[in-house]
Amino acid sequence: MTKTNNALMTSMAILITTILMTTISTAQFASAQTAEDNTVTGGIQTDIAVPADGTWNLFMFGGPGSSVGPFEFDCTLFGGCWISVADCCLTGDQFEIIVDGTSLGLTSFVPTGGPSCGVLPDPCFASPSMSSGMFLVADGSHSMTIVATLSPFGSGDGWFKIDQHEDPVLKALDEIQRELKEIWDAIQNQVIPLLTNIDRTTTDTNNEITNEEWGLQEIKREVRIIEKVVTSHTDKVSVTVNLDDKLKTGQVMVLLDTTGTGTLSTVHVAASLPCNITGDGKPTAGSGNDAPGVYVVVGVATGTLSNLIWDASTDTGFEGSDNTCVYHASVNAGDVTGGVITDVIIIHPDNHPDADIKKHEKLKGIVTVTGTYN
């Protein structure tokens, strides 16, 4: 009898603790919002501004197809933000992440009946029995909606957080741009007024170019060159492609082509791609372990191409949706064969064993390419 009472008291204590932790987590999230910013309709939260500071946020969803959001956030660093999403409590739910009207993909699929992760975000995100995923977005202001694609219990809770991601290459380019802008401002405020005065005082009665006018022309030419350099460093191009079965084995796809508009000085690629295709097709824990199942190359399509994402060295160790690995790489034009970049191309090779080709015939993945013009 004593053992039965002790077991009953222990079960009640665990239940009360779980309810309190859920209530506290919900209260902490809701307390940061105003009534106007946090409308709740049938348990679904909408129109919420969230900080991109790595803080976990709790959201509630309904049945399949129900949506939560939009959540507004700002990515202020050069490199964008990582969005991390995790199911909570009971297994079997799955979510689609939509940012600025474009789907970034689904969180991982897990069946119902698996062990619960509890109610705290970090254990739920780390648990292989819970649906989760990470998604990279570019810098700027964004609006995110979360759609419950699977909801076997008709409602539930989940967690998401947004972390700033700084890319050192893009940051360095911004610093160069600001320095050139300072030079250009000095030219406009000091040199050009001086040249204007010289131009006013110079006379040429015999239609001959004097030494002063020759010097004026040379300085103006240098000003135009510097202006062109300053302008070139402000021109960037970025594209995000959701592969979603678009690329079969033995095919290639041009992700970015600047032929006719200029050449690129740098290219930065962040992608979630299939990996470990000669194994079980699932990511290996840790960075630098898994080679991609598809390749990303840069250069000139009609000339020479150089490898960018080609082997396990660009594996970040993060796991993307649909059992993909997250890869990250940057390259300067001076480091590629030929020294010119106009194209970024993805290749789905057909040199794998037949069994592996069939396993990866339906290619999943998301690729974001950012380039800076010369």
Protein backbone atom coordinates (compact mmCIF):
# COMPACT_ATOMS: atom_id res chain seq x y z
CA MET A 1 0.00 0.00 0.00
CA THR A 2 2.84 2.34 0.84
CA LYS A 3 4.57 1.65 -2.49
CA THR A 4 1.31 2.34 -4.38
CA ASN A 5 0.80 5.67 -2.57
CA ASN A 6 4.40 6.72 -3.23
CA ALA A 7 4.08 5.93 -6.95
CA LEU A 8 0.79 7.86 -7.14
CA MET A 9 2.33 10.91 -5.42
CA THR A 10 5.36 10.79 -7.73
CA SER A 11 3.12 10.69 -10.84
CA MET A 12 1.06 13.64 -9.57
CA ALA A 13 4.23 15.66 -8.89
CA ILE A 14 5.52 15.03 -12.43
CA LEU A 15 2.14 16.05 -13.92
CA ILE A 16 1.97 19.28 -11.85
CA THR A 17 5.59 20.17 -12.77
CA THR A 18 4.85 19.65 -16.49
CA ILE A 19 1.74 21.87 -16.34
CA LEU A 20 3.64 24.62 -14.48
CA MET A 21 6.57 24.55 -16.97
CA THR A 22 4.15 24.78 -19.91
CA THR A 23 2.29 27.68 -18.27
CA ILE A 24 5.54 29.54 -17.47
CA SER A 25 6.94 29.07 -21.00
CA THR A 26 3.68 30.32 -22.54
CA ALA A 27 3.50 33.27 -20.17
CA GLN A 28 7.09 34.30 -20.86
CA PHE A 29 6.39 34.44 -24.60
CA ALA A 30 3.03 36.16 -24.32
CA SER A 31 4.23 38.76 -21.78
CA ALA A 32 6.64 40.23 -24.36
CA GLN A 33 3.71 41.14 -26.65
CA THR A 34 0.89 43.68 -26.38
CA ALA A 35 -2.76 42.78 -26.86
CA GLU A 36 -2.70 44.54 -30.22
CA ASP A 37 0.42 42.69 -31.45
CA ASN A 38 -0.61 39.24 -30.18
CA THR A 39 -4.05 38.26 -31.42
CA VAL A 40 -5.13 34.75 -30.46
CA THR A 41 -7.80 33.08 -32.59
CA GLY A 42 -8.69 29.55 -31.56
CA GLY A 43 -5.26 29.23 -29.93
CA ILE A 44 -3.41 30.45 -33.05
CA GLN A 45 -1.07 33.46 -32.56
CA THR A 46 -0.87 36.12 -35.30
CA ASP A 47 0.87 39.41 -36.14
CA ILE A 48 3.84 39.23 -33.74
CA ALA A 49 7.17 41.06 -33.92
CA VAL A 50 9.97 38.84 -32.58
CA PRO A 51 13.64 39.65 -31.87
CA ALA A 52 16.37 37.92 -33.88
CA ASP A 53 18.52 37.31 -30.79
CA GLY A 54 18.43 33.52 -30.38
CA THR A 55 15.51 33.57 -27.90
CA TRP A 56 13.14 30.59 -28.16
CA ASN A 57 9.50 31.56 -28.85
CA LEU A 58 6.50 29.32 -28.18
CA PHE A 59 3.72 29.09 -30.80
CA MET A 60 0.39 27.24 -30.81
CA PHE A 61 -1.24 25.62 -33.85
CA GLY A 62 -4.45 23.81 -34.76
CA GLY A 63 -5.23 21.00 -37.17
CA PRO A 64 -3.51 20.22 -40.50
CA GLY A 65 -3.30 23.32 -42.71
CA SER A 66 -3.58 25.77 -39.80
CA SER A 67 -1.10 28.64 -39.93
CA VAL A 68 0.66 30.71 -37.28
CA GLY A 69 1.96 34.21 -37.90
CA PRO A 70 3.08 36.31 -39.56
CA PHE A 71 6.12 36.79 -37.33
CA GLU A 72 8.08 39.94 -38.25
CA PHE A 73 11.86 40.05 -37.67
CA ASP A 74 14.99 41.89 -38.86
CA CYS A 75 18.33 40.34 -39.87
CA THR A 76 20.87 43.11 -39.32
CA LEU A 77 24.18 41.33 -40.01
CA PHE A 78 25.78 40.62 -43.38
CA GLY A 79 24.87 36.97 -43.86
CA GLY A 80 21.23 36.95 -42.75
CA CYS A 81 19.64 34.78 -40.05
CA TRP A 82 19.19 31.11 -39.15
CA ILE A 83 15.58 30.11 -38.35
CA SER A 84 15.37 27.07 -36.02
CA VAL A 85 12.00 25.30 -35.56
CA ALA A 86 11.11 22.37 -33.27
CA ASP A 87 7.92 20.49 -32.43
CA CYS A 88 7.03 20.25 -28.74
CA CYS A 89 5.73 17.65 -26.38
CA LEU A 90 4.17 14.86 -28.53
CA THR A 91 5.63 13.42 -31.74
CA GLY A 92 4.02 13.38 -35.19
CA ASP A 93 3.60 17.08 -36.09
CA GLN A 94 5.38 18.65 -39.08
CA PHE A 95 5.67 22.27 -40.25
CA GLU A 96 6.27 24.21 -43.48
CA ILE A 97 8.26 27.45 -43.09
CA ILE A 98 7.18 30.32 -45.38
CA VAL A 99 9.22 33.56 -45.44
CA ASP A 100 8.11 36.59 -47.47
CA GLY A 101 5.62 34.39 -49.34
CA THR A 102 8.21 31.77 -50.38
CA SER A 103 8.38 28.28 -48.89
CA LEU A 104 11.79 27.41 -47.42
CA GLY A 105 10.81 23.76 -46.95
CA LEU A 106 9.51 21.38 -44.28
CA THR A 107 10.80 20.34 -40.89
CA SER A 108 11.83 16.69 -40.59
CA PHE A 109 9.18 13.95 -40.70
CA VAL A 110 8.82 11.74 -37.62
CA PRO A 111 6.05 9.22 -36.90
CA THR A 112 3.69 9.40 -33.94
CA GLY A 113 4.27 7.27 -30.88
CA GLY A 114 7.88 8.27 -30.23
CA PRO A 115 9.21 9.38 -26.84
CA SER A 116 8.23 12.88 -25.71
CA CYS A 117 10.91 15.57 -25.42
CA GLY A 118 9.14 17.32 -22.55
CA VAL A 119 8.21 21.00 -22.85
CA LEU A 120 11.57 22.82 -23.03
CA PRO A 121 12.87 23.99 -26.45
CA ASP A 122 16.51 22.82 -26.39
CA PRO A 123 15.72 19.13 -25.60
CA CYS A 124 12.90 19.18 -28.21
CA PHE A 125 15.21 20.66 -30.89
CA ALA A 126 17.95 18.11 -30.11
CA SER A 127 15.62 15.08 -29.96
CA PRO A 128 15.62 12.89 -33.11
CA SER A 129 12.04 11.83 -32.27
CA MET A 130 10.74 15.40 -32.70
CA SER A 131 10.22 17.21 -36.02
CA SER A 132 12.76 20.06 -36.42
CA GLY A 133 14.69 22.05 -39.03
CA MET A 134 17.00 25.02 -39.73
CA PHE A 135 16.52 27.54 -42.55
CA LEU A 136 18.82 30.38 -43.73
CA VAL A 137 17.45 33.76 -44.93
CA ALA A 138 19.29 36.82 -46.26
CA ASP A 139 19.78 40.06 -44.32
CA GLY A 140 16.89 42.55 -44.18
CA SER A 141 13.34 42.64 -42.81
CA HIS A 142 11.26 39.46 -43.14
CA SER A 143 7.80 38.06 -42.42
CA MET A 144 7.47 34.37 -41.48
CA THR A 145 4.41 32.11 -41.35
CA ILE A 146 4.46 28.58 -39.94
CA VAL A 147 1.95 26.08 -41.41
CA ALA A 148 1.15 22.79 -39.65
CA THR A 149 1.24 20.27 -42.51
CA LEU A 150 0.81 17.32 -40.11
CA SER A 151 -1.15 17.62 -36.84
CA PRO A 152 -2.36 14.18 -35.75
CA PHE A 153 -3.76 15.47 -32.43
CA GLY A 154 -5.65 18.44 -33.93
CA SER A 155 -3.60 21.05 -32.06
CA GLY A 156 -0.29 21.48 -30.27
CA ASP A 157 2.69 23.66 -29.42
CA GLY A 158 6.05 24.30 -31.06
CA TRP A 159 9.18 26.40 -30.61
CA PHE A 160 11.14 28.65 -32.96
CA LYS A 161 14.11 31.02 -32.62
CA ILE A 162 15.97 33.36 -34.95
CA ASP A 163 19.77 33.79 -34.72
CA GLN A 164 21.80 36.47 -36.47
CA HIS A 165 24.38 35.04 -38.91
CA GLU A 166 27.42 37.13 -39.86
CA ASP A 167 29.30 36.41 -43.10
CA PRO A 168 32.88 37.77 -42.88
CA VAL A 169 33.18 38.19 -46.67
CA LEU A 170 30.03 40.32 -46.96
CA LYS A 171 31.06 42.32 -43.89
CA ALA A 172 34.48 43.06 -45.43
CA LEU A 173 32.85 44.16 -48.69
CA ASP A 174 30.59 46.54 -46.78
CA GLU A 175 33.61 48.06 -45.02
CA ILE A 176 35.31 48.60 -48.42
CA GLN A 177 32.14 50.22 -49.74
CA ARG A 178 31.97 52.62 -46.78
CA GLU A 179 35.64 53.58 -47.15
CA LEU A 180 35.19 54.29 -50.86
CA LYS A 181 32.08 56.32 -50.07
CA GLU A 182 34.14 58.47 -47.67
CA ILE A 183 36.72 59.05 -50.42
CA TRP A 184 34.00 60.00 -52.87
CA ASP A 185 32.39 62.43 -50.38
CA ALA A 186 35.78 64.09 -49.83
CA ILE A 187 36.23 64.47 -53.59
CA GLN A 188 32.78 66.03 -53.98
CA ASN A 189 33.18 68.41 -51.01
CA GLN A 190 36.81 69.46 -51.49
CA VAL A 191 38.36 68.51 -54.82
CA ILE A 192 35.47 69.32 -57.16
CA PRO A 193 34.92 72.88 -55.73
CA LEU A 194 38.67 73.49 -56.15
CA LEU A 195 38.54 72.25 -59.73
CA THR A 196 35.54 74.47 -60.43
CA ASN A 197 37.48 77.54 -59.26
CA ILE A 198 40.44 76.54 -61.42
CA ASP A 199 38.11 76.07 -64.38
CA ARG A 200 36.63 79.55 -63.90
CA THR A 201 40.03 81.28 -63.75
CA THR A 202 41.54 79.42 -66.73
CA THR A 203 41.43 81.22 -70.07
CA ASP A 204 42.29 79.85 -73.46
CA THR A 205 42.24 82.69 -76.01
CA ASN A 206 44.18 80.66 -78.59
CA ASN A 207 42.10 77.44 -78.18
CA GLU A 208 45.18 75.69 -76.79
CA ILE A 209 45.06 73.39 -73.80
CA THR A 210 47.11 74.94 -71.01
CA ASN A 211 48.88 72.94 -68.34
CA GLU A 212 46.20 73.87 -65.81
CA GLU A 213 43.39 72.58 -68.02
CA TRP A 214 45.29 69.40 -68.75
CA GLY A 215 45.64 68.82 -65.01
CA LEU A 216 41.92 69.56 -64.55
CA GLN A 217 41.00 66.95 -67.14
CA GLU A 218 43.24 64.35 -65.52
CA ILE A 219 41.75 64.93 -62.05
CA LYS A 220 38.20 64.78 -63.44
CA ARG A 221 39.06 61.50 -65.15
CA GLU A 222 40.29 60.09 -61.81
CA VAL A 223 37.07 61.30 -60.17
CA ARG A 224 35.00 59.38 -62.74
CA ILE A 225 37.06 56.24 -62.14
CA ILE A 226 36.59 56.44 -58.36
CA GLU A 227 32.85 57.09 -58.84
CA LYS A 228 32.62 53.96 -60.95
CA VAL A 229 34.44 51.90 -58.28
CA VAL A 230 32.15 53.21 -55.53
CA THR A 231 29.06 52.40 -57.58
CA SER A 232 30.29 48.91 -58.43
CA HIS A 233 30.66 47.93 -54.78
CA THR A 234 27.03 48.77 -54.08
CA ASP A 235 25.68 46.36 -56.73
CA LYS A 236 24.77 42.91 -55.39
CA VAL A 237 22.59 40.12 -56.70
CA SER A 238 20.94 37.37 -54.67
CA VAL A 239 18.73 34.40 -55.57
CA THR A 240 17.17 31.53 -53.60
CA VAL A 241 16.18 28.31 -55.43
CA ASN A 242 14.04 25.50 -53.97
CA LEU A 243 15.16 22.41 -55.93
CA ASP A 244 12.06 20.35 -54.97
CA ASP A 245 12.46 17.47 -57.49
CA LYS A 246 13.43 19.91 -60.30
CA LEU A 247 16.87 18.39 -60.92
CA LYS A 248 17.18 14.74 -61.94
CA THR A 249 20.38 12.68 -62.00
CA GLY A 250 22.66 13.64 -64.86
CA GLN A 251 21.15 17.14 -65.15
CA VAL A 252 22.52 20.61 -64.40
CA MET A 253 20.78 23.88 -63.45
CA VAL A 254 22.04 27.47 -63.76
CA LEU A 255 21.38 29.16 -60.40
CA LEU A 256 22.79 32.59 -61.39
CA ASP A 257 23.91 34.04 -64.75
CA THR A 258 25.22 37.63 -65.00
CA THR A 259 26.32 37.41 -68.64
CA GLY A 260 25.47 40.73 -70.25
CA THR A 261 25.21 42.61 -66.95
CA GLY A 262 28.80 42.23 -65.68
CA THR A 263 31.14 39.90 -63.84
CA LEU A 264 31.16 38.99 -60.13
CA SER A 265 34.02 39.71 -57.75
CA THR A 266 32.74 37.37 -55.02
CA VAL A 267 30.15 34.60 -54.69
CA HIS A 268 28.68 33.29 -51.43
CA VAL A 269 26.55 30.09 -51.32
CA ALA A 270 24.54 28.65 -48.42
CA ALA A 271 22.63 25.47 -49.23
CA SER A 272 20.85 22.47 -47.74
CA LEU A 273 21.67 19.53 -50.03
CA PRO A 274 21.39 15.71 -49.99
CA CYS A 275 24.44 14.06 -48.44
CA ASN A 276 25.95 10.73 -47.42
CA ILE A 277 24.34 9.15 -50.48
CA THR A 278 26.61 6.10 -50.44
CA GLY A 279 25.54 5.47 -46.83
CA ASP A 280 22.06 5.66 -45.31
CA GLY A 281 21.33 9.05 -46.89
CA LYS A 282 21.19 10.79 -43.52
CA PRO A 283 23.54 13.49 -42.17
CA THR A 284 26.47 12.45 -39.99
CA ALA A 285 26.86 14.35 -36.72
CA GLY A 286 29.60 17.00 -36.75
CA SER A 287 31.04 19.26 -39.44
CA GLY A 288 33.28 18.23 -42.34
CA ASN A 289 31.94 14.64 -42.46
CA ASP A 290 29.50 14.42 -45.39
CA ALA A 291 30.17 15.19 -49.05
CA PRO A 292 27.21 16.65 -50.96
CA GLY A 293 25.19 14.50 -53.37
CA VAL A 294 25.13 17.41 -55.83
CA TYR A 295 27.85 19.93 -56.67
CA VAL A 296 27.93 23.73 -56.97
CA VAL A 297 30.53 25.22 -59.37
CA VAL A 298 31.37 28.79 -60.45
CA GLY A 299 33.11 30.46 -63.39
CA VAL A 300 32.06 30.99 -67.01
CA ALA A 301 29.59 28.44 -68.43
CA THR A 302 31.19 28.55 -71.88
CA GLY A 303 34.70 28.42 -70.46
CA THR A 304 36.30 27.12 -67.29
CA LEU A 305 34.39 26.17 -64.10
CA SER A 306 35.82 25.81 -60.58
CA ASN A 307 34.47 23.77 -57.66
CA LEU A 308 32.75 25.62 -54.80
CA ILE A 309 30.64 23.06 -52.90
CA TRP A 310 32.20 19.75 -53.90
CA ASP A 311 33.37 17.77 -50.88
CA ALA A 312 32.94 17.39 -47.11
CA SER A 313 35.11 20.44 -46.32
CA THR A 314 32.09 22.77 -46.74
CA ASP A 315 29.80 20.68 -44.47
CA THR A 316 28.78 22.94 -41.52
CA GLY A 317 27.52 20.09 -39.34
CA PHE A 318 23.95 21.46 -39.32
CA GLU A 319 21.06 19.30 -40.51
CA GLY A 320 18.51 20.74 -42.94
CA SER A 321 15.01 19.52 -43.79
CA ASP A 322 14.39 16.18 -45.58
CA ASN A 323 17.65 14.67 -44.20
CA THR A 324 19.83 17.26 -45.96
CA CYS A 325 23.18 18.68 -44.82
CA VAL A 326 23.80 22.43 -44.63
CA TYR A 327 26.81 23.64 -46.67
CA HIS A 328 28.44 27.10 -46.66
CA ALA A 329 31.18 28.43 -48.99
CA SER A 330 32.53 31.70 -50.45
CA VAL A 331 34.99 32.40 -53.28
CA ASN A 332 36.71 35.42 -54.86
CA ALA A 333 37.08 35.74 -58.63
CA GLY A 334 40.85 35.86 -58.25
CA ASP A 335 40.81 32.37 -56.71
CA VAL A 336 38.97 30.60 -59.57
CA THR A 337 40.46 29.30 -62.79
CA GLY A 338 40.39 32.09 -65.38
CA GLY A 339 39.73 34.77 -62.76
CA VAL A 340 36.20 35.51 -64.06
CA ILE A 341 32.78 34.60 -62.57
CA THR A 342 29.51 35.06 -64.47
CA ASP A 343 27.72 31.78 -63.68
CA VAL A 344 26.84 29.68 -60.62
CA ILE A 345 25.73 26.18 -61.62
CA ILE A 346 24.47 23.12 -59.69
CA ILE A 347 25.24 19.62 -61.02
CA HIS A 348 23.39 16.39 -60.15
CA PRO A 349 25.92 13.71 -61.18
CA ASP A 350 24.97 10.30 -62.56
CA ASN A 351 28.20 8.55 -61.56
CA HIS A 352 26.75 7.00 -58.39
CA PRO A 353 25.78 3.30 -58.07
CA ASP A 354 22.32 2.47 -59.44
CA ALA A 355 20.86 1.95 -55.96
CA ASP A 356 22.08 5.39 -54.81
CA ILE A 357 20.79 7.09 -57.99
CA LYS A 358 17.31 5.69 -57.35
CA LYS A 359 17.49 6.76 -53.72
CA HIS A 360 18.24 10.37 -54.70
CA GLU A 361 16.29 10.61 -57.97
CA LYS A 362 13.81 12.96 -56.24
CA LEU A 363 16.19 15.72 -55.19
CA LYS A 364 15.31 17.94 -52.22
CA GLY A 365 17.20 21.05 -51.17
CA ILE A 366 17.38 24.86 -51.01
CA VAL A 367 20.27 26.98 -52.37
CA THR A 368 20.85 30.71 -51.72
CA VAL A 369 23.47 32.48 -53.91
CA THR A 370 24.72 36.03 -53.24
CA GLY A 371 27.12 37.72 -55.67
CA THR A 372 28.86 41.10 -55.74
CA TYR A 373 29.58 42.79 -59.08
CA ASN A 374 33.01 44.09 -60.04
